[in-house]
C-alpha atoms as a PDB file:
ATOM      1  CA  MET A   1      13.344  21.067 -26.274  1.00  0.00           C
ATOM      2  CA  TRP A   2      13.179  17.453 -25.169  1.00  0.00           C
ATOM      3  CA  SER A   3      11.789  16.262 -21.831  1.00  0.00           C
ATOM      4  CA  TYR A   4      11.173  12.899 -20.170  1.00  0.00           C
ATOM      5  CA  SER A   5       7.440  13.360 -20.739  1.00  0.00           C
ATOM      6  CA  LYS A   6       7.959  14.036 -24.438  1.00  0.00           C
ATOM      7  CA  ALA A   7      10.055  10.855 -24.589  1.00  0.00           C
ATOM      8  CA  GLY A   8       7.083   8.881 -23.254  1.00  0.00           C
ATOM      9  CA  VAL A   9       7.692   8.853 -19.480  1.00  0.00           C
ATOM     10  CA  ASP A  10       5.294  11.185 -17.670  1.00  0.00           C
ATOM     11  CA  ARG A  11       6.444  11.474 -14.056  1.00  0.00           C
ATOM     12  CA  LYS A  12       3.171  13.049 -12.892  1.00  0.00           C
ATOM     13  CA  LYS A  13       1.100  10.193 -14.306  1.00  0.00           C
ATOM     14  CA  ILE A  14       3.503   7.655 -12.838  1.00  0.00           C
ATOM     15  CA  SER A  15       3.273   9.340  -9.421  1.00  0.00           C
ATOM     16  CA  LYS A  16      -0.526   9.196  -9.554  1.00  0.00           C
ATOM     17  CA  MET A  17      -0.384   5.531 -10.553  1.00  0.00           C
ATOM     18  CA  GLN A  18       2.000   4.782  -7.682  1.00  0.00           C
ATOM     19  CA  ILE A  19      -0.377   6.413  -5.194  1.00  0.00           C
ATOM     20  CA  ASN A  20      -3.139   4.094  -6.392  1.00  0.00           C
ATOM     21  CA  ILE A  21      -0.796   1.105  -6.165  1.00  0.00           C
ATOM     22  CA  GLY A  22       0.092   2.168  -2.624  1.00  0.00           C
ATOM     23  CA  LYS A  23      -3.567   1.904  -1.596  1.00  0.00           C
ATOM     24  CA  PHE A  24      -3.748  -1.692  -2.806  1.00  0.00           C
ATOM     25  CA  VAL A  25      -0.438  -2.497  -1.134  1.00  0.00           C
ATOM     26  CA  SER A  26      -1.626  -1.062   2.186  1.00  0.00           C
ATOM     27  CA  ASN A  27      -4.875  -3.014   1.978  1.00  0.00           C
ATOM     28  CA  SER A  28      -2.898  -6.250   1.763  1.00  0.00           C
ATOM     29  CA  HIS A  29      -1.544  -5.570   5.262  1.00  0.00           C
ATOM     30  CA  ASN A  30      -4.991  -5.636   6.832  1.00  0.00           C
ATOM     31  CA  GLY A  31      -6.226  -8.703   8.682  1.00  0.00           C
ATOM     32  CA  LEU A  32      -2.878 -10.406   8.963  1.00  0.00           C
ATOM     33  CA  GLU A  33      -3.268 -12.987  11.714  1.00  0.00           C
ATOM     34  CA  ASN A  34       0.311 -14.169  12.048  1.00  0.00           C
ATOM     35  CA  LYS A  35       1.488 -12.595  15.296  1.00  0.00           C
ATOM     36  CA  ASN A  36       5.119 -13.633  14.754  1.00  0.00           C
ATOM     37  CA  TRP A  37       5.691 -10.985  12.083  1.00  0.00           C
ATOM     38  CA  LYS A  38       4.396  -7.622  10.924  1.00  0.00           C
ATOM     39  CA  VAL A  39       4.893  -5.131   8.122  1.00  0.00           C
ATOM     40  CA  LEU A  40       6.933  -2.104   9.185  1.00  0.00           C
ATOM     41  CA  SER A  41       7.045  -0.396   5.787  1.00  0.00           C
ATOM     42  CA  GLY A  42       5.279  -1.573   2.672  1.00  0.00           C
ATOM     43  CA  PHE A  43       5.433   1.278   0.206  1.00  0.00           C
ATOM     44  CA  GLY A  44       7.079   4.634  -0.411  1.00  0.00           C
ATOM     45  CA  HIS A  45      10.622   4.013   0.800  1.00  0.00           C
ATOM     46  CA  TYR A  46      13.527   2.183  -0.793  1.00  0.00           C
ATOM     47  CA  ALA A  47      12.529  -1.233   0.553  1.00  0.00           C
ATOM     48  CA  GLY A  48       9.594  -3.092   2.009  1.00  0.00           C
ATOM     49  CA  LEU A  49      10.256  -4.086   5.605  1.00  0.00           C
ATOM     50  CA  ILE A  50       8.885  -7.049   7.549  1.00  0.00           C
ATOM     51  CA  GLU A  51       9.725  -7.555  11.204  1.00  0.00           C
ATOM     52  CA  ILE A  52      10.178 -11.189  12.223  1.00  0.00           C
ATOM     53  CA  GLU A  53      10.921 -11.540  15.924  1.00  0.00           C
ATOM     54  CA  SER A  54      14.201  -9.618  16.483  1.00  0.00           C
ATOM     55  CA  LYS A  55      15.107  -9.182  12.811  1.00  0.00           C
ATOM     56  CA  VAL A  56      13.848  -7.022   9.970  1.00  0.00           C
ATOM     57  CA  ILE A  57      13.721  -8.426   6.427  1.00  0.00           C
ATOM     58  CA  ALA A  58      14.126  -5.861   3.628  1.00  0.00           C
ATOM     59  CA  LEU A  59      12.764  -6.624   0.142  1.00  0.00           C
ATOM     60  CA  HIS A  60      13.062  -4.820  -3.165  1.00  0.00           C
ATOM     61  CA  THR A  61      12.397  -5.565  -6.858  1.00  0.00           C
ATOM     62  CA  ASP A  62      13.776  -3.658  -9.843  1.00  0.00           C
ATOM     63  CA  GLY A  63      14.846  -4.008 -13.445  1.00  0.00           C
ATOM     64  CA  ILE A  64      17.054  -2.064 -15.854  1.00  0.00           C
ATOM     65  CA  GLY A  65      14.468  -0.610 -18.212  1.00  0.00           C
ATOM     66  CA  THR A  66      15.212   0.405 -21.773  1.00  0.00           C
ATOM     67  CA  LYS A  67      18.958   0.199 -21.307  1.00  0.00           C
ATOM     68  CA  ILE A  68      18.273  -3.273 -22.699  1.00  0.00           C
ATOM     69  CA  ILE A  69      17.530  -1.698 -26.095  1.00  0.00           C
ATOM     70  CA  ILE A  70      21.033  -0.192 -26.206  1.00  0.00           C
ATOM     71  CA  ALA A  71      22.482  -3.622 -25.429  1.00  0.00           C
ATOM     72  CA  GLN A  72      20.414  -5.167 -28.231  1.00  0.00           C
ATOM     73  CA  LEU A  73      21.637  -2.595 -30.730  1.00  0.00           C
ATOM     74  CA  ALA A  74      25.242  -3.055 -29.600  1.00  0.00           C
ATOM     75  CA  LYS A  75      24.852  -6.847 -29.286  1.00  0.00           C
ATOM     76  CA  LYS A  76      26.566  -6.687 -25.904  1.00  0.00           C
ATOM     77  CA  PHE A  77      24.851  -8.159 -22.842  1.00  0.00           C
ATOM     78  CA  ASP A  78      27.531  -9.146 -20.343  1.00  0.00           C
ATOM     79  CA  THR A  79      27.177  -6.092 -18.062  1.00  0.00           C
ATOM     80  CA  LEU A  80      23.368  -5.929 -17.814  1.00  0.00           C
ATOM     81  CA  GLY A  81      23.332  -8.391 -14.931  1.00  0.00           C
ATOM     82  CA  ILE A  82      25.533  -6.003 -12.935  1.00  0.00           C
ATOM     83  CA  ASP A  83      22.937  -3.291 -13.539  1.00  0.00           C
ATOM     84  CA  CYS A  84      20.130  -5.561 -12.364  1.00  0.00           C
ATOM     85  CA  VAL A  85      21.901  -6.464  -9.131  1.00  0.00           C
ATOM     86  CA  ALA A  86      22.997  -2.867  -8.532  1.00  0.00           C
ATOM     87  CA  MET A  87      19.526  -1.394  -8.951  1.00  0.00           C
ATOM     88  CA  ASN A  88      18.314  -3.715  -6.206  1.00  0.00           C
ATOM     89  CA  VAL A  89      21.130  -3.854  -3.658  1.00  0.00           C
ATOM     90  CA  ASN A  90      21.757  -0.098  -3.827  1.00  0.00           C
ATOM     91  CA  ASP A  91      18.146   0.433  -2.782  1.00  0.00           C
ATOM     92  CA  ILE A  92      17.937  -1.842   0.234  1.00  0.00           C
ATOM     93  CA  ILE A  93      21.138  -0.517   1.773  1.00  0.00           C
ATOM     94  CA  CYS A  94      19.288   2.817   1.934  1.00  0.00           C
ATOM     95  CA  VAL A  95      17.397   1.487   4.976  1.00  0.00           C
ATOM     96  CA  GLY A  96      20.560   0.156   6.617  1.00  0.00           C
ATOM     97  CA  SER A  97      19.941  -3.439   5.585  1.00  0.00           C
ATOM     98  CA  VAL A  98      22.621  -5.948   4.577  1.00  0.00           C
ATOM     99  CA  PRO A  99      21.848  -7.614   1.201  1.00  0.00           C
ATOM    100  CA  VAL A 100      21.783 -11.397   1.569  1.00  0.00           C
ATOM    101  CA  GLY A 101      20.119 -13.133  -1.372  1.00  0.00           C
ATOM    102  CA  PHE A 102      18.977 -12.428  -4.919  1.00  0.00           C
ATOM    103  CA  LEU A 103      16.352 -13.845  -7.288  1.00  0.00           C
ATOM    104  CA  ASP A 104      16.295 -13.183 -11.026  1.00  0.00           C
ATOM    105  CA  TYR A 105      13.467 -13.207 -13.561  1.00  0.00           C
ATOM    106  CA  ILE A 106      14.369 -13.467 -17.245  1.00  0.00           C
ATOM    107  CA  ALA A 107      11.670 -13.376 -19.928  1.00  0.00           C
ATOM    108  CA  LEU A 108      12.793 -14.565 -23.371  1.00  0.00           C
ATOM    109  CA  LYS A 109      11.225 -14.713 -26.806  1.00  0.00           C
ATOM    110  CA  LYS A 110      12.905 -18.082 -27.361  1.00  0.00           C
ATOM    111  CA  PRO A 111      15.598 -20.230 -25.682  1.00  0.00           C
ATOM    112  CA  ASP A 112      18.987 -18.590 -26.149  1.00  0.00           C
ATOM    113  CA  ASP A 113      21.984 -20.170 -24.416  1.00  0.00           C
ATOM    114  CA  TYR A 114      24.366 -17.414 -25.470  1.00  0.00           C
ATOM    115  CA  LEU A 115      22.144 -14.613 -24.171  1.00  0.00           C
ATOM    116  CA  ILE A 116      21.527 -16.394 -20.863  1.00  0.00           C
ATOM    117  CA  GLY A 117      25.251 -16.990 -20.465  1.00  0.00           C
ATOM    118  CA  GLU A 118      26.063 -13.314 -21.054  1.00  0.00           C
ATOM    119  CA  LEU A 119      23.358 -12.136 -18.641  1.00  0.00           C
ATOM    120  CA  PHE A 120      24.618 -14.447 -15.926  1.00  0.00           C
ATOM    121  CA  LYS A 121      28.176 -13.240 -16.374  1.00  0.00           C
ATOM    122  CA  GLY A 122      26.926  -9.883 -15.162  1.00  0.00           C
ATOM    123  CA  LEU A 123      24.590 -11.278 -12.516  1.00  0.00           C
ATOM    124  CA  SER A 124      27.414 -13.346 -11.052  1.00  0.00           C
ATOM    125  CA  LYS A 125      29.823 -10.411 -11.076  1.00  0.00           C
ATOM    126  CA  GLY A 126      27.248  -8.153  -9.439  1.00  0.00           C
ATOM    127  CA  ALA A 127      26.473 -10.754  -6.801  1.00  0.00           C
ATOM    128  CA  ASP A 128      30.163 -11.173  -6.027  1.00  0.00           C
ATOM    129  CA  GLU A 129      30.671  -7.423  -5.718  1.00  0.00           C
ATOM    130  CA  SER A 130      27.661  -7.199  -3.377  1.00  0.00           C
ATOM    131  CA  ASN A 131      28.542 -10.265  -1.270  1.00  0.00           C
ATOM    132  CA  ILE A 132      25.159 -11.854  -1.964  1.00  0.00           C
ATOM    133  CA  ALA A 133      24.029 -15.253  -3.209  1.00  0.00           C
ATOM    134  CA  ILE A 134      21.814 -15.861  -6.228  1.00  0.00           C
ATOM    135  CA  VAL A 135      19.439 -18.395  -4.700  1.00  0.00           C
ATOM    136  CA  GLY A 136      16.924 -18.941  -7.492  1.00  0.00           C
ATOM    137  CA  GLY A 137      14.724 -17.274 -10.044  1.00  0.00           C
ATOM    138  CA  GLU A 138      12.566 -17.860 -13.096  1.00  0.00           C
ATOM    139  CA  THR A 139      13.244 -18.136 -16.809  1.00  0.00           C
ATOM    140  CA  ALA A 140      10.115 -17.783 -18.941  1.00  0.00           C
ATOM    141  CA  ILE A 141       9.745 -18.311 -22.690  1.00  0.00           C
ATOM    142  CA  LEU A 142       7.027 -15.880 -23.812  1.00  0.00           C
ATOM    143  CA  LYS A 143       7.033 -16.108 -27.606  1.00  0.00           C
ATOM    144  CA  ASP A 144       3.523 -14.714 -28.051  1.00  0.00           C
ATOM    145  CA  LEU A 145       4.032 -11.898 -25.554  1.00  0.00           C
ATOM    146  CA  LEU A 146       7.506 -10.805 -26.679  1.00  0.00           C
ATOM    147  CA  ASN A 147       6.606 -10.546 -30.340  1.00  0.00           C
ATOM    148  CA  GLU A 148       8.937  -7.755 -31.373  1.00  0.00           C
ATOM    149  CA  ARG A 149      10.899  -8.283 -34.573  1.00  0.00           C
ATOM    150  CA  VAL A 150      14.176  -8.054 -32.673  1.00  0.00           C
ATOM    151  CA  GLU A 151      15.392 -11.623 -32.211  1.00  0.00           C
ATOM    152  CA  ASN A 152      16.992 -11.083 -28.797  1.00  0.00           C
ATOM    153  CA  THR A 153      13.938  -9.466 -27.200  1.00  0.00           C
ATOM    154  CA  PHE A 154      13.962 -10.071 -23.451  1.00  0.00           C
ATOM    155  CA  ASP A 155      13.455  -8.509 -20.052  1.00  0.00           C
ATOM    156  CA  LEU A 156      15.546  -8.873 -16.913  1.00  0.00           C
ATOM    157  CA  VAL A 157      14.281  -8.178 -13.403  1.00  0.00           C
ATOM    158  CA  GLY A 158      15.644  -9.009  -9.968  1.00  0.00           C
ATOM    159  CA  THR A 159      14.512  -9.203  -6.368  1.00  0.00           C
ATOM    160  CA  VAL A 160      16.844  -8.815  -3.415  1.00  0.00           C
ATOM    161  CA  PHE A 161      16.290  -9.505   0.250  1.00  0.00           C
ATOM    162  CA  GLY A 162      18.376  -8.318   3.156  1.00  0.00           C
ATOM    163  CA  VAL A 163      18.352  -8.393   6.926  1.00  0.00           C
ATOM    164  CA  THR A 164      19.097  -6.064   9.821  1.00  0.00           C
ATOM    165  CA  ASP A 165      18.062  -5.350  13.406  1.00  0.00           C
ATOM    166  CA  LYS A 166      15.148  -3.020  13.982  1.00  0.00           C
ATOM    167  CA  LYS A 167      17.291  -0.668  16.044  1.00  0.00           C
ATOM    168  CA  LYS A 168      19.734  -0.374  13.131  1.00  0.00           C
ATOM    169  CA  LEU A 169      17.191   0.775  10.549  1.00  0.00           C
ATOM    170  CA  ILE A 170      17.889   4.091   8.810  1.00  0.00           C
ATOM    171  CA  MET A 171      14.594   5.577   7.652  1.00  0.00           C
ATOM    172  CA  GLY A 172      15.491   9.259   7.384  1.00  0.00           C
ATOM    173  CA  ASP A 173      13.501  10.338  10.431  1.00  0.00           C
ATOM    174  CA  LYS A 174      16.710  11.477  12.191  1.00  0.00           C
ATOM    175  CA  ILE A 175      17.666  13.921   9.431  1.00  0.00           C
ATOM    176  CA  THR A 176      17.792  17.355  11.004  1.00  0.00           C
ATOM    177  CA  GLN A 177      18.687  20.960  10.267  1.00  0.00           C
ATOM    178  CA  GLY A 178      22.431  21.421   9.865  1.00  0.00           C
ATOM    179  CA  ASP A 179      23.111  17.944   8.476  1.00  0.00           C
ATOM    180  CA  VAL A 180      25.299  17.709   5.378  1.00  0.00           C
ATOM    181  CA  VAL A 181      24.572  15.842   2.135  1.00  0.00           C
ATOM    182  CA  ILE A 182      27.584  13.919   0.804  1.00  0.00           C
ATOM    183  CA  GLY A 183      27.320  12.832  -2.828  1.00  0.00           C
ATOM    184  CA  LEU A 184      29.118   9.717  -4.119  1.00  0.00           C
ATOM    185  CA  GLU A 185      30.114   9.669  -7.782  1.00  0.00           C
ATOM    186  CA  SER A 186      28.132   7.720 -10.349  1.00  0.00           C
ATOM    187  CA  ASN A 187      29.491   5.742 -13.278  1.00  0.00           C
ATOM    188  CA  GLY A 188      27.557   7.638 -15.914  1.00  0.00           C
ATOM    189  CA  LEU A 189      23.849   7.179 -16.545  1.00  0.00           C
ATOM    190  CA  HIS A 190      23.585   3.947 -14.520  1.00  0.00           C
ATOM    191  CA  SER A 191      20.153   2.510 -15.484  1.00  0.00           C
ATOM    192  CA  ASN A 192      17.785   5.473 -15.638  1.00  0.00           C
ATOM    193  CA  GLY A 193      16.740   8.035 -18.211  1.00  0.00           C
ATOM    194  CA  TYR A 194      17.330   5.805 -21.230  1.00  0.00           C
ATOM    195  CA  SER A 195      13.955   6.505 -22.841  1.00  0.00           C
ATOM    196  CA  LEU A 196      14.955  10.154 -23.125  1.00  0.00           C
ATOM    197  CA  THR A 197      18.603   9.370 -23.911  1.00  0.00           C
ATOM    198  CA  ARG A 198      17.693   7.146 -26.845  1.00  0.00           C
ATOM    199  CA  LYS A 199      15.301   9.698 -28.359  1.00  0.00           C
ATOM    200  CA  VAL A 200      17.951  12.413 -28.100  1.00  0.00           C
ATOM    201  CA  LEU A 201      21.139  10.593 -29.135  1.00  0.00           C
ATOM    202  CA  LEU A 202      20.313   7.694 -31.452  1.00  0.00           C
ATOM    203  CA  PRO A 203      18.921   9.799 -34.324  1.00  0.00           C
ATOM    204  CA  LYS A 204      22.150  11.844 -34.333  1.00  0.00           C
ATOM    205  CA  TYR A 205      24.949   9.471 -33.343  1.00  0.00           C
ATOM    206  CA  LYS A 206      26.071   5.904 -33.995  1.00  0.00           C
ATOM    207  CA  LEU A 207      26.816   3.644 -31.024  1.00  0.00           C
ATOM    208  CA  ASN A 208      30.323   2.938 -32.343  1.00  0.00           C
ATOM    209  CA  GLY A 209      30.908   6.639 -32.907  1.00  0.00           C
ATOM    210  CA  THR A 210      32.880   8.956 -30.649  1.00  0.00           C
ATOM    211  CA  HIS A 211      32.397  12.472 -29.314  1.00  0.00           C
ATOM    212  CA  PRO A 212      34.816  15.010 -27.811  1.00  0.00           C
ATOM    213  CA  TYR A 213      32.872  14.943 -24.528  1.00  0.00           C
ATOM    214  CA  LEU A 214      33.431  11.194 -24.086  1.00  0.00           C
ATOM    215  CA  GLU A 215      36.489   9.052 -23.391  1.00  0.00           C
ATOM    216  CA  SER A 216      34.956   5.981 -25.051  1.00  0.00           C
ATOM    217  CA  SER A 217      32.502   5.272 -27.849  1.00  0.00           C
ATOM    218  CA  ILE A 218      28.897   6.334 -27.304  1.00  0.00           C
ATOM    219  CA  GLY A 219      27.780   2.707 -27.064  1.00  0.00           C
ATOM    220  CA  GLU A 220      30.433   1.880 -24.471  1.00  0.00           C
ATOM    221  CA  GLU A 221      29.450   4.943 -22.450  1.00  0.00           C
ATOM    222  CA  LEU A 222      25.758   4.024 -22.482  1.00  0.00           C
ATOM    223  CA  LEU A 223      26.490   0.443 -21.403  1.00  0.00           C
ATOM    224  CA  LYS A 224      28.711   1.285 -18.438  1.00  0.00           C
ATOM    225  CA  PRO A 225      27.358  -0.842 -15.565  1.00  0.00           C
ATOM    226  CA  THR A 226      25.659   0.781 -12.603  1.00  0.00           C
ATOM    227  CA  LYS A 227      28.058   1.346  -9.729  1.00  0.00           C
ATOM    228  CA  ILE A 228      27.445  -0.870  -6.690  1.00  0.00           C
ATOM    229  CA  TYR A 229      27.758   0.984  -3.375  1.00  0.00           C
ATOM    230  CA  VAL A 230      27.196  -1.929  -0.999  1.00  0.00           C
ATOM    231  CA  LYS A 231      30.690  -2.443   0.428  1.00  0.00           C
ATOM    232  CA  PRO A 232      31.577   1.211   1.139  1.00  0.00           C
ATOM    233  CA  ILE A 233      28.144   2.018   2.586  1.00  0.00           C
ATOM    234  CA  LEU A 234      28.018  -1.059   4.828  1.00  0.00           C
ATOM    235  CA  ASN A 235      31.525  -0.428   6.133  1.00  0.00           C
ATOM    236  CA  VAL A 236      30.732   3.208   6.872  1.00  0.00           C
ATOM    237  CA  LEU A 237      27.557   2.108   8.651  1.00  0.00           C
ATOM    238  CA  LYS A 238      29.540  -0.385  10.685  1.00  0.00           C
ATOM    239  CA  ALA A 239      31.931   2.324  11.853  1.00  0.00           C
ATOM    240  CA  GLU A 240      29.680   5.397  12.131  1.00  0.00           C
ATOM    241  CA  ARG A 241      26.033   4.317  11.948  1.00  0.00           C
ATOM    242  CA  SER A 242      24.860   6.904  14.476  1.00  0.00           C
ATOM    243  CA  ALA A 243      26.296   9.726  12.346  1.00  0.00           C
ATOM    244  CA  ILE A 244      24.388   8.684   9.228  1.00  0.00           C
ATOM    245  CA  HIS A 245      20.827  10.003   9.276  1.00  0.00           C
ATOM    246  CA  GLY A 246      19.706   9.186   5.750  1.00  0.00           C
ATOM    247  CA  LEU A 247      20.709   7.274   2.605  1.00  0.00           C
ATOM    248  CA  ALA A 248      19.431   7.705  -0.944  1.00  0.00           C
ATOM    249  CA  HIS A 249      20.114   5.839  -4.179  1.00  0.00           C
ATOM    250  CA  ILE A 250      19.765   8.393  -7.007  1.00  0.00           C
ATOM    251  CA  THR A 251      17.782   6.635  -9.725  1.00  0.00           C
ATOM    252  CA  GLY A 252      14.452   7.404 -11.443  1.00  0.00           C
ATOM    253  CA  GLY A 253      13.289  10.868 -10.447  1.00  0.00           C
ATOM    254  CA  SER A 254      16.884  11.755  -9.600  1.00  0.00           C
ATOM    255  CA  PHE A 255      17.335  14.091  -6.628  1.00  0.00           C
ATOM    256  CA  SER A 256      13.597  14.525  -6.100  1.00  0.00           C
ATOM    257  CA  LYS A 257      13.701  11.166  -4.295  1.00  0.00           C
ATOM    258  CA  LEU A 258      15.456  12.805  -1.371  1.00  0.00           C
ATOM    259  CA  GLY A 259      12.138  14.316  -0.387  1.00  0.00           C
ATOM    260  CA  ARG A 260      10.745  10.887   0.500  1.00  0.00           C
ATOM    261  CA  LEU A 261      13.234  10.502   3.355  1.00  0.00           C
ATOM    262  CA  ASN A 262      11.833  13.187   5.639  1.00  0.00           C
ATOM    263  CA  LYS A 263       8.913  15.600   5.222  1.00  0.00           C
ATOM    264  CA  ASN A 264      10.053  17.890   8.056  1.00  0.00           C
ATOM    265  CA  VAL A 265      13.211  19.190   6.378  1.00  0.00           C
ATOM    266  CA  ASN A 266      14.338  20.687   3.081  1.00  0.00           C
ATOM    267  CA  PHE A 267      17.239  19.401   1.001  1.00  0.00           C
ATOM    268  CA  ILE A 268      19.335  22.239  -0.425  1.00  0.00           C
ATOM    269  CA  LEU A 269      21.771  21.011  -3.094  1.00  0.00           C
ATOM    270  CA  ASP A 270      23.928  24.001  -3.973  1.00  0.00           C
ATOM    271  CA  ASN A 271      27.316  22.392  -4.682  1.00  0.00           C
ATOM    272  CA  LEU A 272      26.655  19.714  -7.290  1.00  0.00           C
ATOM    273  CA  PRO A 273      29.570  18.733  -9.557  1.00  0.00           C
ATOM    274  CA  GLN A 274      30.003  20.637 -12.792  1.00  0.00           C
ATOM    275  CA  GLN A 275      28.606  18.607 -15.636  1.00  0.00           C
ATOM    276  CA  GLY A 276      30.469  17.296 -18.643  1.00  0.00           C
ATOM    277  CA  GLY A 277      30.675  13.988 -20.483  1.00  0.00           C
ATOM    278  CA  ILE A 278      27.495  12.112 -21.301  1.00  0.00           C
ATOM    279  CA  PHE A 279      25.270  14.492 -19.355  1.00  0.00           C
ATOM    280  CA  LYS A 280      26.520  17.534 -21.245  1.00  0.00           C
ATOM    281  CA  LEU A 281      26.128  15.675 -24.544  1.00  0.00           C
ATOM    282  CA  ILE A 282      22.515  14.700 -23.771  1.00  0.00           C
ATOM    283  CA  GLN A 283      21.560  18.178 -22.583  1.00  0.00           C
ATOM    284  CA  GLU A 284      23.009  19.921 -25.624  1.00  0.00           C
ATOM    285  CA  ALA A 285      21.739  17.367 -28.153  1.00  0.00           C
ATOM    286  CA  GLY A 286      18.207  17.503 -26.773  1.00  0.00           C
ATOM    287  CA  LYS A 287      18.162  21.183 -25.751  1.00  0.00           C
ATOM    288  CA  ILE A 288      17.018  19.992 -22.326  1.00  0.00           C
ATOM    289  CA  SER A 289      16.521  22.410 -19.423  1.00  0.00           C
ATOM    290  CA  SER A 290      18.698  22.085 -16.324  1.00  0.00           C
ATOM    291  CA  LYS A 291      15.651  21.414 -14.151  1.00  0.00           C
ATOM    292  CA  GLU A 292      14.626  18.556 -16.449  1.00  0.00           C
ATOM    293  CA  MET A 293      18.142  17.118 -16.412  1.00  0.00           C
ATOM    294  CA  TYR A 294      18.339  17.130 -12.598  1.00  0.00           C
ATOM    295  CA  SER A 295      14.842  15.628 -12.403  1.00  0.00           C
ATOM    296  CA  THR A 296      15.717  12.753 -14.746  1.00  0.00           C
ATOM    297  CA  PHE A 297      19.416  11.856 -14.533  1.00  0.00           C
ATOM    298  CA  ASN A 298      21.801  11.315 -11.617  1.00  0.00           C
ATOM    299  CA  MET A 299      24.090  14.046 -13.038  1.00  0.00           C
ATOM    300  CA  GLY A 300      27.245  12.429 -11.706  1.00  0.00           C
ATOM    301  CA  ILE A 301      25.984  11.595  -8.206  1.00  0.00           C
ATOM    302  CA  GLY A 302      24.767   8.018  -7.811  1.00  0.00           C
ATOM    303  CA  PHE A 303      24.258   7.887  -4.052  1.00  0.00           C
ATOM    304  CA  CYS A 304      23.721  10.393  -1.231  1.00  0.00           C
ATOM    305  CA  THR A 305      24.444  10.124   2.469  1.00  0.00           C
ATOM    306  CA  ILE A 306      22.965  12.647   4.899  1.00  0.00           C
ATOM    307  CA  VAL A 307      25.287  12.914   7.883  1.00  0.00           C
ATOM    308  CA  SER A 308      26.063  14.892  11.013  1.00  0.00           C
ATOM    309  CA  LYS A 309      28.216  17.902  10.137  1.00  0.00           C
ATOM    310  CA  SER A 310      30.865  16.926  12.698  1.00  0.00           C
ATOM    311  CA  LYS A 311      31.498  13.594  10.942  1.00  0.00           C
ATOM    312  CA  VAL A 312      31.751  14.790   7.339  1.00  0.00           C
ATOM    313  CA  ASP A 313      35.560  14.734   7.056  1.00  0.00           C
ATOM    314  CA  LYS A 314      35.878  11.304   8.651  1.00  0.00           C
ATOM    315  CA  LEU A 315      33.206   9.734   6.430  1.00  0.00           C
ATOM    316  CA  MET A 316      34.666  11.246   3.279  1.00  0.00           C
ATOM    317  CA  GLN A 317      38.064   9.810   4.185  1.00  0.00           C
ATOM    318  CA  MET A 318      36.451   6.387   4.534  1.00  0.00           C
ATOM    319  CA  PHE A 319      34.806   6.673   1.117  1.00  0.00           C
ATOM    320  CA  ASN A 320      38.124   7.749  -0.408  1.00  0.00           C
ATOM    321  CA  LYS A 321      39.698   4.490   0.804  1.00  0.00           C
ATOM    322  CA  TYR A 322      37.387   2.765  -1.678  1.00  0.00           C
ATOM    323  CA  LYS A 323      38.673   5.097  -4.403  1.00  0.00           C
ATOM    324  CA  LEU A 324      35.169   6.522  -4.480  1.00  0.00           C
ATOM    325  CA  LYS A 325      35.064  10.207  -5.294  1.00  0.00           C
ATOM    326  CA  CYS A 326      32.729  12.163  -3.042  1.00  0.00           C
ATOM    327  CA  GLN A 327      31.967  15.736  -2.086  1.00  0.00           C
ATOM    328  CA  GLU A 328      29.648  17.862  -0.002  1.00  0.00           C
ATOM    329  CA  ILE A 329      26.788  18.699  -2.338  1.00  0.00           C
ATOM    330  CA  GLY A 330      24.334  20.359   0.033  1.00  0.00           C
ATOM    331  CA  TYR A 331      22.783  20.740   3.459  1.00  0.00           C
ATOM    332  CA  ILE A 332      19.548  20.402   5.404  1.00  0.00           C
ATOM    333  CA  THR A 333      17.200  23.098   6.669  1.00  0.00           C
ATOM    334  CA  LYS A 334      13.833  22.964   8.406  1.00  0.00           C
ATOM    335  CA  GLY A 335      11.008  22.577   5.922  1.00  0.00           C
ATOM    336  CA  THR A 336       8.368  20.392   4.314  1.00  0.00           C
ATOM    337  CA  GLY A 337      10.299  17.871   2.221  1.00  0.00           C
ATOM    338  CA  ALA A 338      11.283  20.296  -0.538  1.00  0.00           C
ATOM    339  CA  VAL A 339      14.294  19.550  -2.736  1.00  0.00           C
ATOM    340  CA  SER A 340      16.067  22.387  -4.534  1.00  0.00           C
ATOM    341  CA  ILE A 341      19.174  22.361  -6.699  1.00  0.00           C
ATOM    342  CA  THR A 342      21.441  25.093  -8.014  1.00  0.00           C
ATOM    343  CA  ALA A 343      22.632  24.565 -11.576  1.00  0.00           C
ATOM    344  CA  ARG A 344      24.518  27.094 -13.694  1.00  0.00           C
ATOM    345  CA  GLY A 345      23.945  29.710 -11.017  1.00  0.00           C
ATOM    346  CA  LYS A 346      20.164  29.310 -11.047  1.00  0.00           C
ATOM    347  CA  LYS A 347      18.061  27.710  -8.331  1.00  0.00           C
ATOM    348  CA  HIS A 348      15.443  25.110  -9.298  1.00  0.00           C
ATOM    349  CA  LEU A 349      12.778  23.591  -7.059  1.00  0.00           C
ATOM    350  CA  LEU A 350      12.391  19.883  -7.846  1.00  0.00           C
ATOM    351  CA  VAL A 351       9.966  18.996  -5.050  1.00  0.00           C
ATOM    352  CA  GLY A 352       7.958  21.206  -2.722  1.00  0.00           C
END
């Protein structure tokens, strides 16, 4: 039976490492003498927040991980930039911030005009879909560092910054018992869980091969770009901000990330969509437990909104206008930040 840990990604070790990083991050906030700005949130949420006079600047950095390896094998790179933008902008909207600008970092083994052109096709498309500007970045040639035999070895990382008013921040502290969790559909794996996916699928299947569970080839399925939720979320916030108590981008760690929003409630996810497609293929091919699947992959839900029960129907209608499938996937009870899911009729505790 495969697991993320067996594939080389140990969540417990990563969590411990992040706690140590958090200590260093917090220490950097000490002794700041500039009285015109202050750090509101520096670690542990979806974005770092700095208050400057009447505005709050939100910052986030992310990459697309080993999905790059699939692109190298398929020799297809034009959608990776969308993933890079999506992994950043989808995070900072979780605090109610409006994405404004984007910086990219591309590390290459050697100069490659074709590769850069393909990456920027995606970056430009992602920026356009998010209504942000790419305002700069860095391209580094690291021949001695990127010494893999693969010719097109590279890494792609982005940083996004956004802005909002302090009174408009959504930090999850207003989540309360009786609230409803609305799940917005994903576009497949997005950009997480690829270390496990590769170990499970690549020894058994070819990227240009097909499978009854999939509507496209396996390679095409694995390279579907991450869905960008900026426009629907920002428009819903504009219309019904007071009804939205929490927002969560479902990425690494999957639904366990909900627990970071509020430690005084529990998140009960008992109506998740029935799984098929790529998720069913991965689970069966790797003999992976349901708990492991829902701790690693988004399982068809790429974004969650926690809302007042009285506004559920109205918000779902607004999401449907964007042709974005959504459904009630759970509810909130009093608690201690626990996250539980029900899969195949069995309840699993992810956090708590």
